[in-house]
PDB file of N, CA and C in Angstrom:
ATOM      1  N   UNK A   1     -64.728 -33.448 -17.923  1.00  0.00           N
ATOM      2  CA  UNK A   1     -66.173 -33.885 -16.825  1.00  0.00           C
ATOM      3  C   UNK A   1     -67.395 -32.861 -17.480  1.00  0.00           C
ATOM      4  N   UNK A   2     -68.120 -33.710 -18.050  1.00  0.00           N
ATOM      5  CA  UNK A   2     -69.005 -32.800 -18.542  1.00  0.00           C
ATOM      6  C   UNK A   2     -70.271 -32.492 -17.490  1.00  0.00           C
ATOM      7  N   UNK A   3     -70.590 -31.847 -16.920  1.00  0.00           N
ATOM      8  CA  UNK A   3     -71.513 -31.409 -16.310  1.00  0.00           C
ATOM      9  C   UNK A   3     -73.088 -30.824 -17.415  1.00  0.00           C
ATOM     10  N   UNK A   4     -74.200 -32.172 -16.488  1.00  0.00           N
ATOM     11  CA  UNK A   4     -75.112 -32.012 -17.502  1.00  0.00           C
ATOM     12  C   UNK A   4     -76.518 -30.997 -16.678  1.00  0.00           C
ATOM     13  N   UNK A   5     -77.422 -31.271 -17.313  1.00  0.00           N
ATOM     14  CA  UNK A   5     -78.656 -30.275 -17.151  1.00  0.00           C
ATOM     15  C   UNK A   5     -79.267 -30.907 -15.371  1.00  0.00           C
ATOM     16  N   UNK A   6     -79.233 -33.084 -15.895  1.00  0.00           N
ATOM     17  CA  UNK A   6     -79.299 -33.045 -14.404  1.00  0.00           C
ATOM     18  C   UNK A   6     -78.478 -33.459 -13.326  1.00  0.00           C
ATOM     19  N   UNK A   7     -77.270 -32.686 -13.126  1.00  0.00           N
ATOM     20  CA  UNK A   7     -76.415 -32.401 -12.579  1.00  0.00           C
ATOM     21  C   UNK A   7     -76.384 -31.297 -12.224  1.00  0.00           C
ATOM     22  N   UNK A   8     -77.043 -30.446 -12.670  1.00  0.00           N
ATOM     23  CA  UNK A   8     -77.132 -29.006 -11.668  1.00  0.00           C
ATOM     24  C   UNK A   8     -78.125 -28.744 -11.144  1.00  0.00           C
ATOM     25  N   UNK A   9     -79.185 -29.592 -11.503  1.00  0.00           N
ATOM     26  CA  UNK A   9     -80.808 -29.791 -10.979  1.00  0.00           C
ATOM     27  C   UNK A   9     -80.317 -30.434  -9.301  1.00  0.00           C
ATOM     28  N   UNK A  10     -79.504 -31.779  -9.633  1.00  0.00           N
ATOM     29  CA  UNK A  10     -79.225 -32.076  -8.288  1.00  0.00           C
ATOM     30  C   UNK A  10     -78.772 -31.124  -7.122  1.00  0.00           C
ATOM     31  N   UNK A  11     -76.964 -30.439  -7.967  1.00  0.00           N
ATOM     32  CA  UNK A  11     -76.548 -29.536  -7.165  1.00  0.00           C
ATOM     33  C   UNK A  11     -77.436 -28.340  -6.378  1.00  0.00           C
ATOM     34  N   UNK A  12     -78.587 -27.547  -7.448  1.00  0.00           N
ATOM     35  CA  UNK A  12     -79.273 -26.945  -7.058  1.00  0.00           C
ATOM     36  C   UNK A  12     -80.319 -27.636  -5.923  1.00  0.00           C
ATOM     37  N   UNK A  13     -80.231 -28.339  -5.645  1.00  0.00           N
ATOM     38  CA  UNK A  13     -81.772 -29.387  -4.977  1.00  0.00           C
ATOM     39  C   UNK A  13     -80.449 -29.944  -3.313  1.00  0.00           C
ATOM     40  N   UNK A  14     -79.248 -30.332  -3.520  1.00  0.00           N
ATOM     41  CA  UNK A  14     -78.403 -30.122  -2.249  1.00  0.00           C
ATOM     42  C   UNK A  14     -78.071 -28.786  -1.919  1.00  0.00           C
ATOM     43  N   UNK A  15     -77.699 -27.661  -2.928  1.00  0.00           N
ATOM     44  CA  UNK A  15     -77.856 -26.759  -1.852  1.00  0.00           C
ATOM     45  C   UNK A  15     -78.361 -25.651  -1.758  1.00  0.00           C
ATOM     46  N   UNK A  16     -79.759 -26.382  -2.030  1.00  0.00           N
ATOM     47  CA  UNK A  16     -81.163 -25.317  -2.016  1.00  0.00           C
ATOM     48  C   UNK A  16     -81.370 -23.949  -2.138  1.00  0.00           C
ATOM     49  N   UNK A  17     -81.178 -24.312  -4.328  1.00  0.00           N
ATOM     50  CA  UNK A  17     -80.799 -23.097  -4.432  1.00  0.00           C
ATOM     51  C   UNK A  17     -81.811 -22.888  -5.396  1.00  0.00           C
ATOM     52  N   UNK A  18     -82.097 -22.378  -6.346  1.00  0.00           N
ATOM     53  CA  UNK A  18     -83.260 -22.146  -7.412  1.00  0.00           C
ATOM     54  C   UNK A  18     -82.513 -21.614  -8.624  1.00  0.00           C
ATOM     55  N   UNK A  19     -81.918 -21.667  -9.658  1.00  0.00           N
ATOM     56  CA  UNK A  19     -81.028 -21.256 -10.771  1.00  0.00           C
ATOM     57  C   UNK A  19     -82.601 -20.792 -11.390  1.00  0.00           C
ATOM     58  N   UNK A  20     -82.282 -19.224 -12.489  1.00  0.00           N
ATOM     59  CA  UNK A  20     -83.216 -19.223 -13.227  1.00  0.00           C
ATOM     60  C   UNK A  20     -83.100 -19.843 -14.691  1.00  0.00           C
ATOM     61  N   UNK A  21     -84.204 -20.370 -15.390  1.00  0.00           N
ATOM     62  CA  UNK A  21     -83.767 -21.917 -16.212  1.00  0.00           C
ATOM     63  C   UNK A  21     -82.409 -21.352 -16.874  1.00  0.00           C
ATOM     64  N   UNK A  22     -82.382 -19.920 -17.847  1.00  0.00           N
ATOM     65  CA  UNK A  22     -81.740 -18.947 -18.577  1.00  0.00           C
ATOM     66  C   UNK A  22     -80.089 -19.339 -17.947  1.00  0.00           C
ATOM     67  N   UNK A  23     -80.294 -19.525 -17.004  1.00  0.00           N
ATOM     68  CA  UNK A  23     -78.870 -19.245 -15.978  1.00  0.00           C
ATOM     69  C   UNK A  23     -78.303 -20.896 -15.930  1.00  0.00           C
ATOM     70  N   UNK A  24     -78.821 -21.895 -16.035  1.00  0.00           N
ATOM     71  CA  UNK A  24     -78.552 -23.127 -16.118  1.00  0.00           C
ATOM     72  C   UNK A  24     -77.461 -23.489 -16.709  1.00  0.00           C
ATOM     73  N   UNK A  25     -77.999 -23.279 -18.548  1.00  0.00           N
ATOM     74  CA  UNK A  25     -76.559 -23.800 -19.211  1.00  0.00           C
ATOM     75  C   UNK A  25     -75.076 -23.475 -18.753  1.00  0.00           C
ATOM     76  N   UNK A  26     -75.397 -21.776 -18.253  1.00  0.00           N
ATOM     77  CA  UNK A  26     -74.195 -20.507 -18.110  1.00  0.00           C
ATOM     78  C   UNK A  26     -73.144 -21.603 -17.206  1.00  0.00           C
ATOM     79  N   UNK A  27     -74.090 -21.777 -16.500  1.00  0.00           N
ATOM     80  CA  UNK A  27     -73.444 -22.186 -15.155  1.00  0.00           C
ATOM     81  C   UNK A  27     -72.785 -24.176 -15.083  1.00  0.00           C
ATOM     82  N   UNK A  28     -73.620 -24.740 -15.740  1.00  0.00           N
ATOM     83  CA  UNK A  28     -73.001 -25.958 -16.554  1.00  0.00           C
ATOM     84  C   UNK A  28     -71.895 -25.442 -17.190  1.00  0.00           C
ATOM     85  N   UNK A  29     -71.361 -24.984 -18.361  1.00  0.00           N
ATOM     86  CA  UNK A  29     -70.807 -24.407 -18.846  1.00  0.00           C
ATOM     87  C   UNK A  29     -69.294 -24.300 -18.235  1.00  0.00           C
ATOM     88  N   UNK A  30     -69.586 -23.079 -16.714  1.00  0.00           N
ATOM     89  CA  UNK A  30     -68.182 -22.965 -15.895  1.00  0.00           C
ATOM     90  C   UNK A  30     -67.927 -24.143 -15.132  1.00  0.00           C
ATOM     91  N   UNK A  31     -69.524 -24.792 -14.651  1.00  0.00           N
ATOM     92  CA  UNK A  31     -68.611 -25.877 -13.820  1.00  0.00           C
ATOM     93  C   UNK A  31     -67.399 -27.085 -14.086  1.00  0.00           C
ATOM     94  N   UNK A  32     -68.291 -27.161 -16.051  1.00  0.00           N
ATOM     95  CA  UNK A  32     -67.477 -27.970 -16.962  1.00  0.00           C
ATOM     96  C   UNK A  32     -65.621 -27.458 -16.673  1.00  0.00           C
ATOM     97  N   UNK A  33     -65.601 -26.204 -17.001  1.00  0.00           N
ATOM     98  CA  UNK A  33     -64.357 -25.564 -16.877  1.00  0.00           C
ATOM     99  C   UNK A  33     -63.436 -25.810 -16.050  1.00  0.00           C
ATOM    100  N   UNK A  34     -64.117 -25.734 -14.542  1.00  0.00           N
ATOM    101  CA  UNK A  34     -63.737 -25.971 -13.810  1.00  0.00           C
ATOM    102  C   UNK A  34     -63.099 -27.024 -13.355  1.00  0.00           C
ATOM    103  N   UNK A  35     -64.280 -28.140 -13.737  1.00  0.00           N
ATOM    104  CA  UNK A  35     -63.491 -29.750 -13.362  1.00  0.00           C
ATOM    105  C   UNK A  35     -62.572 -29.945 -14.656  1.00  0.00           C
ATOM    106  N   UNK A  36     -62.703 -29.628 -15.695  1.00  0.00           N
ATOM    107  CA  UNK A  36     -61.478 -29.964 -16.547  1.00  0.00           C
ATOM    108  C   UNK A  36     -59.881 -28.816 -15.415  1.00  0.00           C
ATOM    109  N   UNK A  37     -60.052 -28.255 -15.144  1.00  0.00           N
ATOM    110  CA  UNK A  37     -59.234 -27.803 -14.667  1.00  0.00           C
ATOM    111  C   UNK A  37     -58.202 -28.433 -13.246  1.00  0.00           C
ATOM    112  N   UNK A  38     -59.367 -29.259 -12.921  1.00  0.00           N
ATOM    113  CA  UNK A  38     -59.192 -30.425 -11.642  1.00  0.00           C
ATOM    114  C   UNK A  38     -58.351 -31.626 -11.979  1.00  0.00           C
ATOM    115  N   UNK A  39     -58.922 -31.725 -13.646  1.00  0.00           N
ATOM    116  CA  UNK A  39     -57.818 -32.553 -14.296  1.00  0.00           C
ATOM    117  C   UNK A  39     -57.026 -32.701 -14.943  1.00  0.00           C
ATOM    118  N   UNK A  40     -56.452 -31.470 -15.152  1.00  0.00           N
ATOM    119  CA  UNK A  40     -55.090 -31.217 -15.227  1.00  0.00           C
ATOM    120  C   UNK A  40     -54.968 -31.096 -14.444  1.00  0.00           C
ATOM    121  N   UNK A  41     -54.872 -30.422 -13.148  1.00  0.00           N
ATOM    122  CA  UNK A  41     -54.158 -30.530 -11.814  1.00  0.00           C
ATOM    123  C   UNK A  41     -53.213 -32.279 -11.473  1.00  0.00           C
ATOM    124  N   UNK A  42     -54.993 -32.903 -11.825  1.00  0.00           N
ATOM    125  CA  UNK A  42     -54.884 -34.906 -11.082  1.00  0.00           C
ATOM    126  C   UNK A  42     -53.257 -35.357 -12.013  1.00  0.00           C
ATOM    127  N   UNK A  43     -52.942 -34.825 -13.342  1.00  0.00           N
ATOM    128  CA  UNK A  43     -52.501 -35.249 -14.549  1.00  0.00           C
ATOM    129  C   UNK A  43     -50.644 -34.948 -13.703  1.00  0.00           C
ATOM    130  N   UNK A  44     -51.087 -33.412 -12.963  1.00  0.00           N
ATOM    131  CA  UNK A  44     -49.125 -33.599 -13.185  1.00  0.00           C
ATOM    132  C   UNK A  44     -48.732 -34.437 -11.637  1.00  0.00           C
ATOM    133  N   UNK A  45     -47.175 -34.876 -11.881  1.00  0.00           N
ATOM    134  CA  UNK A  45     -46.470 -35.274 -11.450  1.00  0.00           C
ATOM    135  C   UNK A  45     -46.472 -34.995  -9.851  1.00  0.00           C
ATOM    136  N   UNK A  46     -47.171 -35.464  -8.982  1.00  0.00           N
ATOM    137  CA  UNK A  46     -46.586 -34.511  -7.901  1.00  0.00           C
ATOM    138  C   UNK A  46     -45.275 -35.429  -6.841  1.00  0.00           C
ATOM    139  N   UNK A  47     -44.901 -36.894  -7.106  1.00  0.00           N
ATOM    140  CA  UNK A  47     -44.129 -37.940  -6.731  1.00  0.00           C
ATOM    141  C   UNK A  47     -43.023 -36.964  -6.302  1.00  0.00           C
ATOM    142  N   UNK A  48     -42.727 -37.223  -5.134  1.00  0.00           N
ATOM    143  CA  UNK A  48     -41.184 -36.510  -4.116  1.00  0.00           C
ATOM    144  C   UNK A  48     -41.484 -35.757  -3.582  1.00  0.00           C
ATOM    145  N   UNK A  49     -42.593 -34.674  -4.782  1.00  0.00           N
ATOM    146  CA  UNK A  49     -42.712 -32.934  -3.683  1.00  0.00           C
ATOM    147  C   UNK A  49     -43.101 -32.985  -2.457  1.00  0.00           C
ATOM    148  N   UNK A  50     -42.347 -31.831  -1.685  1.00  0.00           N
ATOM    149  CA  UNK A  50     -42.224 -32.033  -0.157  1.00  0.00           C
ATOM    150  C   UNK A  50     -43.934 -30.710  -0.287  1.00  0.00           C
ATOM    151  N   UNK A  51     -44.575 -31.711   0.550  1.00  0.00           N
ATOM    152  CA  UNK A  51     -45.881 -30.140   0.835  1.00  0.00           C
ATOM    153  C   UNK A  51     -45.572 -29.420   1.322  1.00  0.00           C
ATOM    154  N   UNK A  52     -45.538 -27.570   1.269  1.00  0.00           N
ATOM    155  CA  UNK A  52     -45.437 -26.616   1.724  1.00  0.00           C
ATOM    156  C   UNK A  52     -46.381 -26.206   2.589  1.00  0.00           C
ATOM    157  N   UNK A  53     -46.446 -25.246   4.129  1.00  0.00           N
ATOM    158  CA  UNK A  53     -47.115 -24.272   4.489  1.00  0.00           C
ATOM    159  C   UNK A  53     -47.831 -23.504   4.108  1.00  0.00           C
ATOM    160  N   UNK A  54     -46.811 -22.989   3.404  1.00  0.00           N
ATOM    161  CA  UNK A  54     -46.936 -21.452   2.330  1.00  0.00           C
ATOM    162  C   UNK A  54     -45.596 -21.257   1.416  1.00  0.00           C
ATOM    163  N   UNK A  55     -45.589 -20.775   0.682  1.00  0.00           N
ATOM    164  CA  UNK A  55     -44.955 -20.537  -0.309  1.00  0.00           C
ATOM    165  C   UNK A  55     -44.124 -19.224  -0.063  1.00  0.00           C
ATOM    166  N   UNK A  56     -44.278 -18.636  -0.068  1.00  0.00           N
ATOM    167  CA  UNK A  56     -43.291 -17.054   1.012  1.00  0.00           C
ATOM    168  C   UNK A  56     -42.286 -18.378   1.891  1.00  0.00           C
ATOM    169  N   UNK A  57     -42.134 -19.577   2.128  1.00  0.00           N
ATOM    170  CA  UNK A  57     -41.117 -19.841   2.958  1.00  0.00           C
ATOM    171  C   UNK A  57     -40.003 -20.081   1.415  1.00  0.00           C
ATOM    172  N   UNK A  58     -40.504 -20.473   0.733  1.00  0.00           N
ATOM    173  CA  UNK A  58     -39.592 -20.821  -0.597  1.00  0.00           C
ATOM    174  C   UNK A  58     -39.660 -19.810  -1.058  1.00  0.00           C
ATOM    175  N   UNK A  59     -39.458 -18.453  -0.873  1.00  0.00           N
ATOM    176  CA  UNK A  59     -39.045 -17.745  -1.821  1.00  0.00           C
ATOM    177  C   UNK A  59     -38.379 -16.658  -0.785  1.00  0.00           C
ATOM    178  N   UNK A  60     -37.893 -17.263   0.879  1.00  0.00           N
ATOM    179  CA  UNK A  60     -37.009 -16.729   1.384  1.00  0.00           C
ATOM    180  C   UNK A  60     -37.720 -15.643   2.196  1.00  0.00           C
ATOM    181  N   UNK A  61     -38.896 -14.970   2.322  1.00  0.00           N
ATOM    182  CA  UNK A  61     -39.757 -14.478   3.410  1.00  0.00           C
ATOM    183  C   UNK A  61     -40.548 -14.967   4.227  1.00  0.00           C
ATOM    184  N   UNK A  62     -39.760 -13.914   5.477  1.00  0.00           N
ATOM    185  CA  UNK A  62     -39.963 -14.532   6.757  1.00  0.00           C
ATOM    186  C   UNK A  62     -41.537 -14.704   7.244  1.00  0.00           C
ATOM    187  N   UNK A  63     -42.740 -15.312   7.240  1.00  0.00           N
ATOM    188  CA  UNK A  63     -43.535 -15.181   8.098  1.00  0.00           C
ATOM    189  C   UNK A  63     -43.744 -15.392   9.504  1.00  0.00           C
ATOM    190  N   UNK A  64     -44.926 -15.296  10.208  1.00  0.00           N
ATOM    191  CA  UNK A  64     -45.069 -15.144  11.378  1.00  0.00           C
ATOM    192  C   UNK A  64     -45.523 -16.353  11.838  1.00  0.00           C
ATOM    193  N   UNK A  65     -44.750 -16.920  12.950  1.00  0.00           N
ATOM    194  CA  UNK A  65     -44.319 -18.429  13.787  1.00  0.00           C
ATOM    195  C   UNK A  65     -45.157 -18.804  14.016  1.00  0.00           C
ATOM    196  N   UNK A  66     -45.955 -20.037  13.534  1.00  0.00           N
ATOM    197  CA  UNK A  66     -47.083 -20.685  14.421  1.00  0.00           C
ATOM    198  C   UNK A  66     -46.845 -20.395  15.504  1.00  0.00           C
ATOM    199  N   UNK A  67     -48.101 -20.917  16.381  1.00  0.00           N
ATOM    200  CA  UNK A  67     -48.428 -20.920  17.668  1.00  0.00           C
ATOM    201  C   UNK A  67     -48.552 -22.036  17.636  1.00  0.00           C
ATOM    202  N   UNK A  68     -48.468 -22.676  19.148  1.00  0.00           N
ATOM    203  CA  UNK A  68     -48.995 -24.190  20.047  1.00  0.00           C
ATOM    204  C   UNK A  68     -50.283 -23.887  19.841  1.00  0.00           C
ATOM    205  N   UNK A  69     -51.041 -24.858  19.860  1.00  0.00           N
ATOM    206  CA  UNK A  69     -52.066 -25.220  20.073  1.00  0.00           C
ATOM    207  C   UNK A  69     -52.544 -25.685  21.336  1.00  0.00           C
ATOM    208  N   UNK A  70     -52.769 -24.325  22.122  1.00  0.00           N
ATOM    209  CA  UNK A  70     -53.301 -25.484  23.882  1.00  0.00           C
ATOM    210  C   UNK A  70     -55.380 -25.100  23.859  1.00  0.00           C
ATOM    211  N   UNK A  71     -55.302 -26.090  25.138  1.00  0.00           N
ATOM    212  CA  UNK A  71     -56.653 -25.973  25.899  1.00  0.00           C
ATOM    213  C   UNK A  71     -56.767 -24.615  26.094  1.00  0.00           C
ATOM    214  N   UNK A  72     -57.093 -23.383  26.799  1.00  0.00           N
ATOM    215  CA  UNK A  72     -57.914 -23.090  27.463  1.00  0.00           C
ATOM    216  C   UNK A  72     -59.172 -22.124  27.495  1.00  0.00           C
ATOM    217  N   UNK A  73     -59.321 -21.763  28.600  1.00  0.00           N
ATOM    218  CA  UNK A  73     -60.461 -21.299  28.463  1.00  0.00           C
ATOM    219  C   UNK A  73     -60.707 -19.609  27.964  1.00  0.00           C
ATOM    220  N   UNK A  74     -60.049 -19.188  27.923  1.00  0.00           N
ATOM    221  CA  UNK A  74     -59.685 -17.533  27.492  1.00  0.00           C
ATOM    222  C   UNK A  74     -59.448 -16.412  28.185  1.00  0.00           C
ATOM    223  N   UNK A  75     -59.937 -17.037  29.766  1.00  0.00           N
ATOM    224  CA  UNK A  75     -59.811 -16.052  30.696  1.00  0.00           C
ATOM    225  C   UNK A  75     -60.664 -14.595  30.638  1.00  0.00           C
ATOM    226  N   UNK A  76     -61.660 -14.468  29.703  1.00  0.00           N
ATOM    227  CA  UNK A  76     -62.581 -13.578  29.738  1.00  0.00           C
ATOM    228  C   UNK A  76     -63.744 -14.026  29.961  1.00  0.00           C
ATOM    229  N   UNK A  77     -64.280 -14.366  31.216  1.00  0.00           N
ATOM    230  CA  UNK A  77     -65.705 -15.033  30.845  1.00  0.00           C
ATOM    231  C   UNK A  77     -66.462 -13.520  31.522  1.00  0.00           C
ATOM    232  N   UNK A  78     -65.756 -12.817  31.931  1.00  0.00           N
ATOM    233  CA  UNK A  78     -66.330 -11.331  32.697  1.00  0.00           C
ATOM    234  C   UNK A  78     -66.889 -11.161  31.396  1.00  0.00           C
ATOM    235  N   UNK A  79     -65.624 -10.566  30.354  1.00  0.00           N
ATOM    236  CA  UNK A  79     -65.832  -9.693  29.319  1.00  0.00           C
ATOM    237  C   UNK A  79     -67.324 -10.765  28.311  1.00  0.00           C
ATOM    238  N   UNK A  80     -67.417 -12.101  27.985  1.00  0.00           N
ATOM    239  CA  UNK A  80     -68.942 -12.463  27.333  1.00  0.00           C
ATOM    240  C   UNK A  80     -69.481 -12.019  28.137  1.00  0.00           C
ATOM    241  N   UNK A  81     -69.966 -12.763  29.313  1.00  0.00           N
ATOM    242  CA  UNK A  81     -71.164 -12.341  30.155  1.00  0.00           C
ATOM    243  C   UNK A  81     -71.376 -10.433  30.408  1.00  0.00           C
ATOM    244  N   UNK A  82     -70.572  -9.942  29.927  1.00  0.00           N
ATOM    245  CA  UNK A  82     -70.892  -8.953  30.501  1.00  0.00           C
ATOM    246  C   UNK A  82     -72.011  -8.385  29.372  1.00  0.00           C
ATOM    247  N   UNK A  83     -71.469  -9.081  27.506  1.00  0.00           N
ATOM    248  CA  UNK A  83     -72.370  -9.019  26.882  1.00  0.00           C
ATOM    249  C   UNK A  83     -73.783  -9.934  27.107  1.00  0.00           C
ATOM    250  N   UNK A  84     -74.222 -10.674  27.790  1.00  0.00           N
ATOM    251  CA  UNK A  84     -75.802 -11.540  28.098  1.00  0.00           C
ATOM    252  C   UNK A  84     -76.390 -10.439  28.781  1.00  0.00           C
ATOM    253  N   UNK A  85     -77.802 -10.376  28.395  1.00  0.00           N
ATOM    254  CA  UNK A  85     -79.421  -9.257  28.516  1.00  0.00           C
ATOM    255  C   UNK A  85     -78.642  -9.922  30.740  1.00  0.00           C
ATOM    256  N   UNK A  86     -78.953 -11.518  30.690  1.00  0.00           N
ATOM    257  CA  UNK A  86     -78.686 -11.698  32.381  1.00  0.00           C
ATOM    258  C   UNK A  86     -78.242 -12.902  32.737  1.00  0.00           C
ATOM    259  N   UNK A  87     -77.347 -13.439  33.423  1.00  0.00           N
ATOM    260  CA  UNK A  87     -76.325 -14.274  33.425  1.00  0.00           C
ATOM    261  C   UNK A  87     -76.347 -14.697  35.285  1.00  0.00           C
ATOM    262  N   UNK A  88     -76.877 -16.161  35.542  1.00  0.00           N
ATOM    263  CA  UNK A  88     -76.217 -16.709  36.865  1.00  0.00           C
ATOM    264  C   UNK A  88     -75.168 -17.610  36.834  1.00  0.00           C
ATOM    265  N   UNK A  89     -74.546 -17.505  37.958  1.00  0.00           N
ATOM    266  CA  UNK A  89     -73.262 -19.072  37.714  1.00  0.00           C
ATOM    267  C   UNK A  89     -72.577 -18.335  36.727  1.00  0.00           C
ATOM    268  N   UNK A  90     -72.259 -17.884  36.475  1.00  0.00           N
ATOM    269  CA  UNK A  90     -71.011 -17.845  35.098  1.00  0.00           C
ATOM    270  C   UNK A  90     -71.554 -18.329  33.701  1.00  0.00           C
ATOM    271  N   UNK A  91     -73.389 -18.300  33.769  1.00  0.00           N
ATOM    272  CA  UNK A  91     -73.883 -18.772  32.456  1.00  0.00           C
ATOM    273  C   UNK A  91     -74.295 -17.839  31.560  1.00  0.00           C
ATOM    274  N   UNK A  92     -75.070 -17.819  30.677  1.00  0.00           N
ATOM    275  CA  UNK A  92     -75.633 -16.932  29.920  1.00  0.00           C
ATOM    276  C   UNK A  92     -77.410 -17.738  31.123  1.00  0.00           C
ATOM    277  N   UNK A  93     -78.357 -16.993  31.059  1.00  0.00           N
ATOM    278  CA  UNK A  93     -79.238 -17.139  31.295  1.00  0.00           C
ATOM    279  C   UNK A  93     -80.502 -16.896  30.693  1.00  0.00           C
ATOM    280  N   UNK A  94     -81.333 -18.337  29.778  1.00  0.00           N
ATOM    281  CA  UNK A  94     -82.420 -17.783  28.692  1.00  0.00           C
ATOM    282  C   UNK A  94     -83.655 -18.487  29.441  1.00  0.00           C
ATOM    283  N   UNK A  95     -84.715 -17.681  28.690  1.00  0.00           N
ATOM    284  CA  UNK A  95     -86.127 -18.344  29.054  1.00  0.00           C
ATOM    285  C   UNK A  95     -86.460 -19.897  28.609  1.00  0.00           C
ATOM    286  N   UNK A  96     -86.776 -20.843  29.708  1.00  0.00           N
ATOM    287  CA  UNK A  96     -87.375 -21.941  28.969  1.00  0.00           C
ATOM    288  C   UNK A  96     -88.143 -22.382  27.901  1.00  0.00           C
ATOM    289  N   UNK A  97     -87.240 -23.394  27.060  1.00  0.00           N
ATOM    290  CA  UNK A  97     -87.731 -23.435  25.618  1.00  0.00           C
ATOM    291  C   UNK A  97     -88.550 -24.558  25.627  1.00  0.00           C
ATOM    292  N   UNK A  98     -88.029 -25.938  26.531  1.00  0.00           N
ATOM    293  CA  UNK A  98     -89.000 -27.726  26.845  1.00  0.00           C
ATOM    294  C   UNK A  98     -89.403 -27.072  27.778  1.00  0.00           C
ATOM    295  N   UNK A  99     -90.636 -28.242  27.659  1.00  0.00           N
ATOM    296  CA  UNK A  99     -91.215 -28.562  29.432  1.00  0.00           C
ATOM    297  C   UNK A  99     -91.607 -29.739  29.676  1.00  0.00           C
TER     298      UNK A  99
END
């Protein structure tokens, strides 16, 4: 997949960037290479391959066990509010901005 100048201009607009004119061609060439590598990866047959969380497990290296996701309040409200310039009723107090 070749990245053309119009593609670079669109990416600039979407990313809210402005590249100098002399860098656009080099950027285009680099992006073309990246998409070429992606195309190569798409050609690899992955049928029957088990997805893995980390390659370390296949190498016999023990990793830190994953923790269960549990919802909690962090139990540190006092520490958080200690950073606030002003707090009332367990919340940050801020100036009124809407009338």
